[in-house]
Amino acid sequence: MDIDTAYEVAQRLIEEASQNLPNITTEEDAKIQIITRMFTEVLGWTHANISAEHPNKNGYSDYVLSEDSRPYLVVEAKKIGAIEIATHSKSQANYKISGPVLTGC
């Protein structure tokens, strides 16, 4: 789909989610009602290329989007709200969510 159509679909999805916000209370609700739909309906990923709760050395990844068995995107989902991440290191790019480098979470 072209970018203008994807934008329109995203706007509709955001409007639907906004109207249903009282029913989106958990991480799983957000994954089902918003995130997976955004990946498939807006960004064009197929369900076959999306894995969930994928084990890795730091725990589990909520989403891993792959093509030709090569991971392209890892997404950590959270319930709707704000999360502030403060770190002790400016140079480190990868953090374990429950690890010692993250504070204030």
PDB file of N, CA and C in Angstrom:
ATOM      1  N   MET A   1       0.842  -1.174   0.000  1.00  0.00           N
ATOM      2  CA  MET A   1       0.000   0.000   0.000  1.00  0.00           C
ATOM      3  C   MET A   1       0.884   1.234   0.000  1.00  0.00           C
ATOM      4  N   ASP A   2       0.399   2.313  -0.590  1.00  0.00           N
ATOM      5  CA  ASP A   2       1.208   3.527  -0.623  1.00  0.00           C
ATOM      6  C   ASP A   2       1.152   4.232   0.732  1.00  0.00           C
ATOM      7  N   ILE A   3       2.032   5.184   0.920  1.00  0.00           N
ATOM      8  CA  ILE A   3       2.189   5.831   2.231  1.00  0.00           C
ATOM      9  C   ILE A   3       0.943   6.612   2.636  1.00  0.00           C
ATOM     10  N   ASP A   4       0.244   7.234   1.681  1.00  0.00           N
ATOM     11  CA  ASP A   4      -0.965   7.991   2.020  1.00  0.00           C
ATOM     12  C   ASP A   4      -2.069   7.070   2.522  1.00  0.00           C
ATOM     13  N   THR A   5      -2.223   5.915   1.887  1.00  0.00           N
ATOM     14  CA  THR A   5      -3.225   4.943   2.325  1.00  0.00           C
ATOM     15  C   THR A   5      -2.843   4.388   3.695  1.00  0.00           C
ATOM     16  N   ALA A   6      -1.568   4.086   3.896  1.00  0.00           N
ATOM     17  CA  ALA A   6      -1.107   3.592   5.197  1.00  0.00           C
ATOM     18  C   ALA A   6      -1.396   4.613   6.290  1.00  0.00           C
ATOM     19  N   TYR A   7      -1.201   5.883   5.982  1.00  0.00           N
ATOM     20  CA  TYR A   7      -1.482   6.949   6.945  1.00  0.00           C
ATOM     21  C   TYR A   7      -2.966   6.971   7.306  1.00  0.00           C
ATOM     22  N   GLU A   8      -3.832   6.853   6.317  1.00  0.00           N
ATOM     23  CA  GLU A   8      -5.280   6.845   6.567  1.00  0.00           C
ATOM     24  C   GLU A   8      -5.680   5.644   7.426  1.00  0.00           C
ATOM     25  N   VAL A   9      -5.114   4.484   7.132  1.00  0.00           N
ATOM     26  CA  VAL A   9      -5.404   3.281   7.922  1.00  0.00           C
ATOM     27  C   VAL A   9      -4.916   3.474   9.359  1.00  0.00           C
ATOM     28  N   ALA A  10      -3.728   4.048   9.523  1.00  0.00           N
ATOM     29  CA  ALA A  10      -3.189   4.304  10.860  1.00  0.00           C
ATOM     30  C   ALA A  10      -4.084   5.269  11.624  1.00  0.00           C
ATOM     31  N   GLN A  11      -4.561   6.309  10.961  1.00  0.00           N
ATOM     32  CA  GLN A  11      -5.459   7.267  11.611  1.00  0.00           C
ATOM     33  C   GLN A  11      -6.745   6.582  12.086  1.00  0.00           C
ATOM     34  N   ARG A  12      -7.307   5.711  11.272  1.00  0.00           N
ATOM     35  CA  ARG A  12      -8.521   4.970  11.665  1.00  0.00           C
ATOM     36  C   ARG A  12      -8.231   4.059  12.847  1.00  0.00           C
ATOM     37  N   LEU A  13      -7.107   3.368  12.800  1.00  0.00           N
ATOM     38  CA  LEU A  13      -6.744   2.475  13.897  1.00  0.00           C
ATOM     39  C   LEU A  13      -6.551   3.255  15.196  1.00  0.00           C
ATOM     40  N   ILE A  14      -5.890   4.397  15.131  1.00  0.00           N
ATOM     41  CA  ILE A  14      -5.682   5.231  16.315  1.00  0.00           C
ATOM     42  C   ILE A  14      -7.010   5.728  16.858  1.00  0.00           C
ATOM     43  N   GLU A  15      -7.915   6.115  15.985  1.00  0.00           N
ATOM     44  CA  GLU A  15      -9.241   6.574  16.418  1.00  0.00           C
ATOM     45  C   GLU A  15     -10.006   5.446  17.104  1.00  0.00           C
ATOM     46  N   GLU A  16      -9.978   4.248  16.523  1.00  0.00           N
ATOM     47  CA  GLU A  16     -10.645   3.089  17.142  1.00  0.00           C
ATOM     48  C   GLU A  16     -10.059   2.808  18.516  1.00  0.00           C
ATOM     49  N   ALA A  17      -8.741   2.812  18.619  1.00  0.00           N
ATOM     50  CA  ALA A  17      -8.086   2.539  19.901  1.00  0.00           C
ATOM     51  C   ALA A  17      -8.422   3.622  20.919  1.00  0.00           C
ATOM     52  N   SER A  18      -8.468   4.868  20.482  1.00  0.00           N
ATOM     53  CA  SER A  18      -8.799   5.972  21.389  1.00  0.00           C
ATOM     54  C   SER A  18     -10.199   5.821  21.953  1.00  0.00           C
ATOM     55  N   GLN A  19     -11.124   5.416  21.115  1.00  0.00           N
ATOM     56  CA  GLN A  19     -12.504   5.233  21.564  1.00  0.00           C
ATOM     57  C   GLN A  19     -12.635   4.026  22.497  1.00  0.00           C
ATOM     58  N   ASN A  20     -11.746   3.062  22.357  1.00  0.00           N
ATOM     59  CA  ASN A  20     -11.811   1.843  23.157  1.00  0.00           C
ATOM     60  C   ASN A  20     -10.807   1.849  24.319  1.00  0.00           C
ATOM     61  N   LEU A  21     -10.204   2.979  24.586  1.00  0.00           N
ATOM     62  CA  LEU A  21      -9.155   3.084  25.596  1.00  0.00           C
ATOM     63  C   LEU A  21      -9.528   2.517  26.967  1.00  0.00           C
ATOM     64  N   PRO A  22     -10.754   2.695  27.445  1.00  0.00           N
ATOM     65  CA  PRO A  22     -11.088   2.119  28.756  1.00  0.00           C
ATOM     66  C   PRO A  22     -10.966   0.590  28.795  1.00  0.00           C
ATOM     67  N   ASN A  23     -11.039  -0.062  27.638  1.00  0.00           N
ATOM     68  CA  ASN A  23     -10.944  -1.520  27.573  1.00  0.00           C
ATOM     69  C   ASN A  23      -9.541  -2.019  27.257  1.00  0.00           C
ATOM     70  N   ILE A  24      -8.602  -1.106  27.065  1.00  0.00           N
ATOM     71  CA  ILE A  24      -7.215  -1.478  26.789  1.00  0.00           C
ATOM     72  C   ILE A  24      -6.426  -1.198  28.057  1.00  0.00           C
ATOM     73  N   THR A  25      -6.417  -2.173  28.948  1.00  0.00           N
ATOM     74  CA  THR A  25      -5.851  -1.936  30.280  1.00  0.00           C
ATOM     75  C   THR A  25      -4.565  -2.712  30.551  1.00  0.00           C
ATOM     76  N   THR A  26      -4.264  -3.704  29.741  1.00  0.00           N
ATOM     77  CA  THR A  26      -3.070  -4.511  29.981  1.00  0.00           C
ATOM     78  C   THR A  26      -2.152  -4.480  28.762  1.00  0.00           C
ATOM     79  N   GLU A  27      -0.950  -4.972  28.960  1.00  0.00           N
ATOM     80  CA  GLU A  27      -0.004  -5.099  27.845  1.00  0.00           C
ATOM     81  C   GLU A  27      -0.593  -5.978  26.746  1.00  0.00           C
ATOM     82  N   GLU A  28      -1.216  -7.078  27.129  1.00  0.00           N
ATOM     83  CA  GLU A  28      -1.804  -7.988  26.133  1.00  0.00           C
ATOM     84  C   GLU A  28      -2.920  -7.305  25.353  1.00  0.00           C
ATOM     85  N   ASP A  29      -3.745  -6.484  26.025  1.00  0.00           N
ATOM     86  CA  ASP A  29      -4.780  -5.723  25.322  1.00  0.00           C
ATOM     87  C   ASP A  29      -4.147  -4.813  24.278  1.00  0.00           C
ATOM     88  N   ALA A  30      -3.097  -4.107  24.667  1.00  0.00           N
ATOM     89  CA  ALA A  30      -2.420  -3.198  23.735  1.00  0.00           C
ATOM     90  C   ALA A  30      -1.825  -3.965  22.562  1.00  0.00           C
ATOM     91  N   LYS A  31      -1.260  -5.144  22.834  1.00  0.00           N
ATOM     92  CA  LYS A  31      -0.675  -5.952  21.759  1.00  0.00           C
ATOM     93  C   LYS A  31      -1.741  -6.393  20.761  1.00  0.00           C
ATOM     94  N   ILE A  32      -2.868  -6.883  21.279  1.00  0.00           N
ATOM     95  CA  ILE A  32      -3.921  -7.403  20.402  1.00  0.00           C
ATOM     96  C   ILE A  32      -4.643  -6.283  19.654  1.00  0.00           C
ATOM     97  N   GLN A  33      -5.008  -5.239  20.376  1.00  0.00           N
ATOM     98  CA  GLN A  33      -5.880  -4.228  19.795  1.00  0.00           C
ATOM     99  C   GLN A  33      -5.159  -3.099  19.060  1.00  0.00           C
ATOM    100  N   ILE A  34      -3.857  -2.939  19.332  1.00  0.00           N
ATOM    101  CA  ILE A  34      -3.143  -1.826  18.696  1.00  0.00           C
ATOM    102  C   ILE A  34      -1.895  -2.291  17.948  1.00  0.00           C
ATOM    103  N   ILE A  35      -0.954  -2.885  18.662  1.00  0.00           N
ATOM    104  CA  ILE A  35       0.373  -3.110  18.096  1.00  0.00           C
ATOM    105  C   ILE A  35       0.363  -4.097  16.934  1.00  0.00           C
ATOM    106  N   THR A  36      -0.240  -5.268  17.125  1.00  0.00           N
ATOM    107  CA  THR A  36      -0.279  -6.256  16.034  1.00  0.00           C
ATOM    108  C   THR A  36      -1.009  -5.691  14.832  1.00  0.00           C
ATOM    109  N   ARG A  37      -2.105  -4.995  15.074  1.00  0.00           N
ATOM    110  CA  ARG A  37      -2.845  -4.381  13.962  1.00  0.00           C
ATOM    111  C   ARG A  37      -2.009  -3.335  13.239  1.00  0.00           C
ATOM    112  N   MET A  38      -1.232  -2.555  13.969  1.00  0.00           N
ATOM    113  CA  MET A  38      -0.370  -1.553  13.336  1.00  0.00           C
ATOM    114  C   MET A  38       0.661  -2.235  12.436  1.00  0.00           C
ATOM    115  N   PHE A  39       1.265  -3.322  12.941  1.00  0.00           N
ATOM    116  CA  PHE A  39       2.238  -4.053  12.124  1.00  0.00           C
ATOM    117  C   PHE A  39       1.618  -4.601  10.851  1.00  0.00           C
ATOM    118  N   THR A  40       0.439  -5.219  10.958  1.00  0.00           N
ATOM    119  CA  THR A  40      -0.154  -5.905   9.807  1.00  0.00           C
ATOM    120  C   THR A  40      -0.968  -4.981   8.904  1.00  0.00           C
ATOM    121  N   GLU A  41      -1.839  -4.173   9.479  1.00  0.00           N
ATOM    122  CA  GLU A  41      -2.748  -3.356   8.672  1.00  0.00           C
ATOM    123  C   GLU A  41      -2.120  -2.090   8.123  1.00  0.00           C
ATOM    124  N   VAL A  42      -1.137  -1.544   8.824  1.00  0.00           N
ATOM    125  CA  VAL A  42      -0.519  -0.282   8.398  1.00  0.00           C
ATOM    126  C   VAL A  42       0.846  -0.510   7.755  1.00  0.00           C
ATOM    127  N   LEU A  43       1.679  -1.306   8.426  1.00  0.00           N
ATOM    128  CA  LEU A  43       3.049  -1.483   7.945  1.00  0.00           C
ATOM    129  C   LEU A  43       3.221  -2.647   6.981  1.00  0.00           C
ATOM    130  N   GLY A  44       2.195  -3.500   6.858  1.00  0.00           N
ATOM    131  CA  GLY A  44       2.211  -4.547   5.850  1.00  0.00           C
ATOM    132  C   GLY A  44       2.955  -5.822   6.206  1.00  0.00           C
ATOM    133  N   TRP A  45       3.321  -5.999   7.469  1.00  0.00           N
ATOM    134  CA  TRP A  45       3.955  -7.248   7.880  1.00  0.00           C
ATOM    135  C   TRP A  45       2.916  -8.361   7.862  1.00  0.00           C
ATOM    136  N   THR A  46       3.327  -9.563   7.498  1.00  0.00           N
ATOM    137  CA  THR A  46       2.414 -10.700   7.543  1.00  0.00           C
ATOM    138  C   THR A  46       2.538 -11.372   8.908  1.00  0.00           C
ATOM    139  N   HIS A  47       1.469 -12.047   9.309  1.00  0.00           N
ATOM    140  CA  HIS A  47       1.507 -12.758  10.596  1.00  0.00           C
ATOM    141  C   HIS A  47       2.621 -13.807  10.605  1.00  0.00           C
ATOM    142  N   ALA A  48       2.915 -14.366   9.444  1.00  0.00           N
ATOM    143  CA  ALA A  48       3.964 -15.389   9.355  1.00  0.00           C
ATOM    144  C   ALA A  48       5.341 -14.819   9.701  1.00  0.00           C
ATOM    145  N   ASN A  49       5.523 -13.518   9.543  1.00  0.00           N
ATOM    146  CA  ASN A  49       6.815 -12.887   9.811  1.00  0.00           C
ATOM    147  C   ASN A  49       6.894 -12.221  11.178  1.00  0.00           C
ATOM    148  N   ILE A  50       5.864 -12.438  11.997  1.00  0.00           N
ATOM    149  CA  ILE A  50       5.837 -11.858  13.337  1.00  0.00           C
ATOM    150  C   ILE A  50       5.836 -12.990  14.350  1.00  0.00           C
ATOM    151  N   SER A  51       6.827 -12.991  15.239  1.00  0.00           N
ATOM    152  CA  SER A  51       6.805 -13.962  16.330  1.00  0.00           C
ATOM    153  C   SER A  51       6.639 -13.193  17.631  1.00  0.00           C
ATOM    154  N   ALA A  52       6.000 -13.841  18.593  1.00  0.00           N
ATOM    155  CA  ALA A  52       5.734 -13.199  19.878  1.00  0.00           C
ATOM    156  C   ALA A  52       6.327 -14.043  20.999  1.00  0.00           C
ATOM    157  N   GLU A  53       6.717 -13.339  22.064  1.00  0.00           N
ATOM    158  CA  GLU A  53       7.298 -13.994  23.233  1.00  0.00           C
ATOM    159  C   GLU A  53       8.478 -14.879  22.824  1.00  0.00           C
ATOM    160  N   HIS A  54       9.317 -14.321  21.982  1.00  0.00           N
ATOM    161  CA  HIS A  54      10.488 -15.009  21.451  1.00  0.00           C
ATOM    162  C   HIS A  54      11.595 -15.022  22.510  1.00  0.00           C
ATOM    163  N   PRO A  55      12.067 -16.206  22.902  1.00  0.00           N
ATOM    164  CA  PRO A  55      13.110 -16.254  23.938  1.00  0.00           C
ATOM    165  C   PRO A  55      14.452 -15.741  23.411  1.00  0.00           C
ATOM    166  N   ASN A  56      15.173 -15.051  24.278  1.00  0.00           N
ATOM    167  CA  ASN A  56      16.524 -14.597  23.952  1.00  0.00           C
ATOM    168  C   ASN A  56      17.341 -14.578  25.237  1.00  0.00           C
ATOM    169  N   LYS A  57      18.597 -14.206  25.161  1.00  0.00           N
ATOM    170  CA  LYS A  57      19.470 -14.291  26.335  1.00  0.00           C
ATOM    171  C   LYS A  57      19.069 -13.331  27.454  1.00  0.00           C
ATOM    172  N   ASN A  58      18.267 -12.318  27.161  1.00  0.00           N
ATOM    173  CA  ASN A  58      17.840 -11.356  28.174  1.00  0.00           C
ATOM    174  C   ASN A  58      16.417 -11.594  28.672  1.00  0.00           C
ATOM    175  N   GLY A  59      15.776 -12.662  28.219  1.00  0.00           N
ATOM    176  CA  GLY A  59      14.394 -12.941  28.614  1.00  0.00           C
ATOM    177  C   GLY A  59      13.561 -13.269  27.391  1.00  0.00           C
ATOM    178  N   TYR A  60      12.507 -12.495  27.196  1.00  0.00           N
ATOM    179  CA  TYR A  60      11.612 -12.713  26.065  1.00  0.00           C
ATOM    180  C   TYR A  60      11.345 -11.395  25.360  1.00  0.00           C
ATOM    181  N   SER A  61      11.297 -11.430  24.038  1.00  0.00           N
ATOM    182  CA  SER A  61      10.944 -10.255  23.240  1.00  0.00           C
ATOM    183  C   SER A  61       9.460 -10.343  22.924  1.00  0.00           C
ATOM    184  N   ASP A  62       8.723  -9.260  23.172  1.00  0.00           N
ATOM    185  CA  ASP A  62       7.295  -9.287  22.887  1.00  0.00           C
ATOM    186  C   ASP A  62       7.033  -9.540  21.406  1.00  0.00           C
ATOM    187  N   TYR A  63       7.805  -8.912  20.553  1.00  0.00           N
ATOM    188  CA  TYR A  63       7.678  -9.106  19.110  1.00  0.00           C
ATOM    189  C   TYR A  63       9.063  -9.181  18.481  1.00  0.00           C
ATOM    190  N   VAL A  64       9.207 -10.072  17.504  1.00  0.00           N
ATOM    191  CA  VAL A  64      10.356 -10.063  16.613  1.00  0.00           C
ATOM    192  C   VAL A  64       9.788 -10.141  15.205  1.00  0.00           C
ATOM    193  N   LEU A  65      10.056  -9.117  14.397  1.00  0.00           N
ATOM    194  CA  LEU A  65       9.610  -9.089  13.014  1.00  0.00           C
ATOM    195  C   LEU A  65      10.781  -9.515  12.149  1.00  0.00           C
ATOM    196  N   SER A  66      10.566 -10.549  11.335  1.00  0.00           N
ATOM    197  CA  SER A  66      11.642 -11.147  10.545  1.00  0.00           C
ATOM    198  C   SER A  66      11.226 -11.301   9.095  1.00  0.00           C
ATOM    199  N   GLU A  67      12.232 -11.406   8.261  1.00  0.00           N
ATOM    200  CA  GLU A  67      12.014 -11.746   6.854  1.00  0.00           C
ATOM    201  C   GLU A  67      13.157 -12.652   6.431  1.00  0.00           C
ATOM    202  N   ASP A  68      12.828 -13.729   5.742  1.00  0.00           N
ATOM    203  CA  ASP A  68      13.815 -14.721   5.330  1.00  0.00           C
ATOM    204  C   ASP A  68      14.618 -15.222   6.537  1.00  0.00           C
ATOM    205  N   SER A  69      13.924 -15.451   7.634  1.00  0.00           N
ATOM    206  CA  SER A  69      14.509 -15.942   8.888  1.00  0.00           C
ATOM    207  C   SER A  69      15.530 -14.986   9.503  1.00  0.00           C
ATOM    208  N   ARG A  70      15.551 -13.752   9.054  1.00  0.00           N
ATOM    209  CA  ARG A  70      16.473 -12.748   9.600  1.00  0.00           C
ATOM    210  C   ARG A  70      15.675 -11.700  10.376  1.00  0.00           C
ATOM    211  N   PRO A  71      15.975 -11.532  11.667  1.00  0.00           N
ATOM    212  CA  PRO A  71      15.235 -10.533  12.450  1.00  0.00           C
ATOM    213  C   PRO A  71      15.554  -9.111  11.994  1.00  0.00           C
ATOM    214  N   TYR A  72      14.498  -8.302  11.862  1.00  0.00           N
ATOM    215  CA  TYR A  72      14.660  -6.913  11.448  1.00  0.00           C
ATOM    216  C   TYR A  72      14.294  -5.927  12.547  1.00  0.00           C
ATOM    217  N   LEU A  73      13.352  -6.323  13.409  1.00  0.00           N
ATOM    218  CA  LEU A  73      12.861  -5.393  14.409  1.00  0.00           C
ATOM    219  C   LEU A  73      12.428  -6.156  15.647  1.00  0.00           C
ATOM    220  N   VAL A  74      12.866  -5.695  16.798  1.00  0.00           N
ATOM    221  CA  VAL A  74      12.444  -6.265  18.076  1.00  0.00           C
ATOM    222  C   VAL A  74      11.669  -5.171  18.802  1.00  0.00           C
ATOM    223  N   VAL A  75      10.481  -5.526  19.306  1.00  0.00           N
ATOM    224  CA  VAL A  75       9.623  -4.547  19.966  1.00  0.00           C
ATOM    225  C   VAL A  75       9.250  -5.048  21.351  1.00  0.00           C
ATOM    226  N   GLU A  76       9.405  -4.200  22.330  1.00  0.00           N
ATOM    227  CA  GLU A  76       8.962  -4.463  23.694  1.00  0.00           C
ATOM    228  C   GLU A  76       7.660  -3.704  23.898  1.00  0.00           C
ATOM    229  N   ALA A  77       6.592  -4.411  24.170  1.00  0.00           N
ATOM    230  CA  ALA A  77       5.279  -3.799  24.362  1.00  0.00           C
ATOM    231  C   ALA A  77       5.042  -3.506  25.832  1.00  0.00           C
ATOM    232  N   LYS A  78       4.307  -2.440  26.091  1.00  0.00           N
ATOM    233  CA  LYS A  78       3.894  -2.086  27.446  1.00  0.00           C
ATOM    234  C   LYS A  78       2.448  -1.629  27.396  1.00  0.00           C
ATOM    235  N   LYS A  79       1.777  -1.720  28.537  1.00  0.00           N
ATOM    236  CA  LYS A  79       0.412  -1.222  28.576  1.00  0.00           C
ATOM    237  C   LYS A  79       0.432   0.277  28.324  1.00  0.00           C
ATOM    238  N   ILE A  80      -0.695   0.815  27.945  1.00  0.00           N
ATOM    239  CA  ILE A  80      -0.772   2.229  27.627  1.00  0.00           C
ATOM    240  C   ILE A  80      -0.416   3.053  28.855  1.00  0.00           C
ATOM    241  N   GLY A  81       0.416   4.046  28.639  1.00  0.00           N
ATOM    242  CA  GLY A  81       0.887   4.895  29.717  1.00  0.00           C
ATOM    243  C   GLY A  81       2.266   5.389  29.373  1.00  0.00           C
ATOM    244  N   ALA A  82       2.928   5.959  30.330  1.00  0.00           N
ATOM    245  CA  ALA A  82       4.270   6.486  30.093  1.00  0.00           C
ATOM    246  C   ALA A  82       5.270   5.678  30.885  1.00  0.00           C
ATOM    247  N   ILE A  83       6.415   5.454  30.298  1.00  0.00           N
ATOM    248  CA  ILE A  83       7.513   4.791  31.000  1.00  0.00           C
ATOM    249  C   ILE A  83       8.736   5.670  30.835  1.00  0.00           C
ATOM    250  N   GLU A  84       9.354   5.981  31.927  1.00  0.00           N
ATOM    251  CA  GLU A  84      10.565   6.783  31.889  1.00  0.00           C
ATOM    252  C   GLU A  84      11.747   5.857  32.097  1.00  0.00           C
ATOM    253  N   ILE A  85      12.704   5.948  31.198  1.00  0.00           N
ATOM    254  CA  ILE A  85      13.897   5.120  31.315  1.00  0.00           C
ATOM    255  C   ILE A  85      15.097   6.033  31.505  1.00  0.00           C
ATOM    256  N   ALA A  86      15.711   5.909  32.657  1.00  0.00           N
ATOM    257  CA  ALA A  86      16.934   6.657  32.942  1.00  0.00           C
ATOM    258  C   ALA A  86      18.064   5.642  32.997  1.00  0.00           C
ATOM    259  N   THR A  87      19.182   5.969  32.388  1.00  0.00           N
ATOM    260  CA  THR A  87      20.285   5.019  32.344  1.00  0.00           C
ATOM    261  C   THR A  87      21.530   5.594  33.005  1.00  0.00           C
ATOM    262  N   HIS A  88      22.406   4.687  33.382  1.00  0.00           N
ATOM    263  CA  HIS A  88      23.685   5.067  33.966  1.00  0.00           C
ATOM    264  C   HIS A  88      24.766   5.230  32.902  1.00  0.00           C
ATOM    265  N   SER A  89      24.512   4.741  31.705  1.00  0.00           N
ATOM    266  CA  SER A  89      25.532   4.739  30.658  1.00  0.00           C
ATOM    267  C   SER A  89      24.989   5.384  29.391  1.00  0.00           C
ATOM    268  N   LYS A  90      25.720   6.328  28.841  1.00  0.00           N
ATOM    269  CA  LYS A  90      25.316   6.970  27.585  1.00  0.00           C
ATOM    270  C   LYS A  90      25.785   6.184  26.372  1.00  0.00           C
ATOM    271  N   SER A  91      26.747   5.280  26.544  1.00  0.00           N
ATOM    272  CA  SER A  91      27.330   4.581  25.399  1.00  0.00           C
ATOM    273  C   SER A  91      26.682   3.227  25.136  1.00  0.00           C
ATOM    274  N   GLN A  92      26.045   2.643  26.112  1.00  0.00           N
ATOM    275  CA  GLN A  92      25.457   1.315  25.946  1.00  0.00           C
ATOM    276  C   GLN A  92      24.146   1.427  25.177  1.00  0.00           C
ATOM    277  N   ALA A  93      23.944   0.563  24.187  1.00  0.00           N
ATOM    278  CA  ALA A  93      22.740   0.618  23.361  1.00  0.00           C
ATOM    279  C   ALA A  93      21.729  -0.462  23.713  1.00  0.00           C
ATOM    280  N   ASN A  94      22.136  -1.517  24.376  1.00  0.00           N
ATOM    281  CA  ASN A  94      21.237  -2.623  24.678  1.00  0.00           C
ATOM    282  C   ASN A  94      21.151  -2.816  26.180  1.00  0.00           C
ATOM    283  N   TYR A  95      19.923  -2.855  26.692  1.00  0.00           N
ATOM    284  CA  TYR A  95      19.721  -3.017  28.119  1.00  0.00           C
ATOM    285  C   TYR A  95      18.711  -4.117  28.397  1.00  0.00           C
ATOM    286  N   LYS A  96      18.955  -4.875  29.421  1.00  0.00           N
ATOM    287  CA  LYS A  96      17.980  -5.830  29.909  1.00  0.00           C
ATOM    288  C   LYS A  96      16.995  -5.037  30.764  1.00  0.00           C
ATOM    289  N   ILE A  97      15.694  -5.163  30.474  1.00  0.00           N
ATOM    290  CA  ILE A  97      14.686  -4.372  31.166  1.00  0.00           C
ATOM    291  C   ILE A  97      14.817  -4.511  32.677  1.00  0.00           C
ATOM    292  N   SER A  98      15.050  -5.721  33.166  1.00  0.00           N
ATOM    293  CA  SER A  98      15.153  -5.917  34.614  1.00  0.00           C
ATOM    294  C   SER A  98      16.583  -5.832  35.114  1.00  0.00           C
ATOM    295  N   GLY A  99      17.497  -5.384  34.257  1.00  0.00           N
ATOM    296  CA  GLY A  99      18.907  -5.329  34.626  1.00  0.00           C
ATOM    297  C   GLY A  99      19.269  -4.121  35.461  1.00  0.00           C
ATOM    298  N   PRO A 100      20.503  -4.081  35.963  1.00  0.00           N
ATOM    299  CA  PRO A 100      20.941  -3.037  36.892  1.00  0.00           C
ATOM    300  C   PRO A 100      21.159  -1.667  36.236  1.00  0.00           C
ATOM    301  N   VAL A 101      21.280  -1.602  34.917  1.00  0.00           N
ATOM    302  CA  VAL A 101      21.575  -0.314  34.270  1.00  0.00           C
ATOM    303  C   VAL A 101      20.353   0.612  34.224  1.00  0.00           C
ATOM    304  N   LEU A 102      19.153   0.061  34.266  1.00  0.00           N
ATOM    305  CA  LEU A 102      17.945   0.873  34.210  1.00  0.00           C
ATOM    306  C   LEU A 102      17.508   1.250  35.622  1.00  0.00           C
ATOM    307  N   THR A 103      17.142   2.503  35.774  1.00  0.00           N
ATOM    308  CA  THR A 103      16.660   2.971  37.074  1.00  0.00           C
ATOM    309  C   THR A 103      15.343   3.696  36.884  1.00  0.00           C
ATOM    310  N   GLY A 104      14.592   3.845  37.925  1.00  0.00           N
ATOM    311  CA  GLY A 104      13.338   4.600  37.852  1.00  0.00           C
ATOM    312  C   GLY A 104      12.234   3.890  37.120  1.00  0.00           C
ATOM    313  N   CYS A 105      12.371   2.578  36.891  1.00  0.00           N
ATOM    314  CA  CYS A 105      11.348   1.823  36.162  1.00  0.00           C
ATOM    315  C   CYS A 105      10.556   0.949  37.098  1.00  0.00           C
TER     316      CYS A 105
END
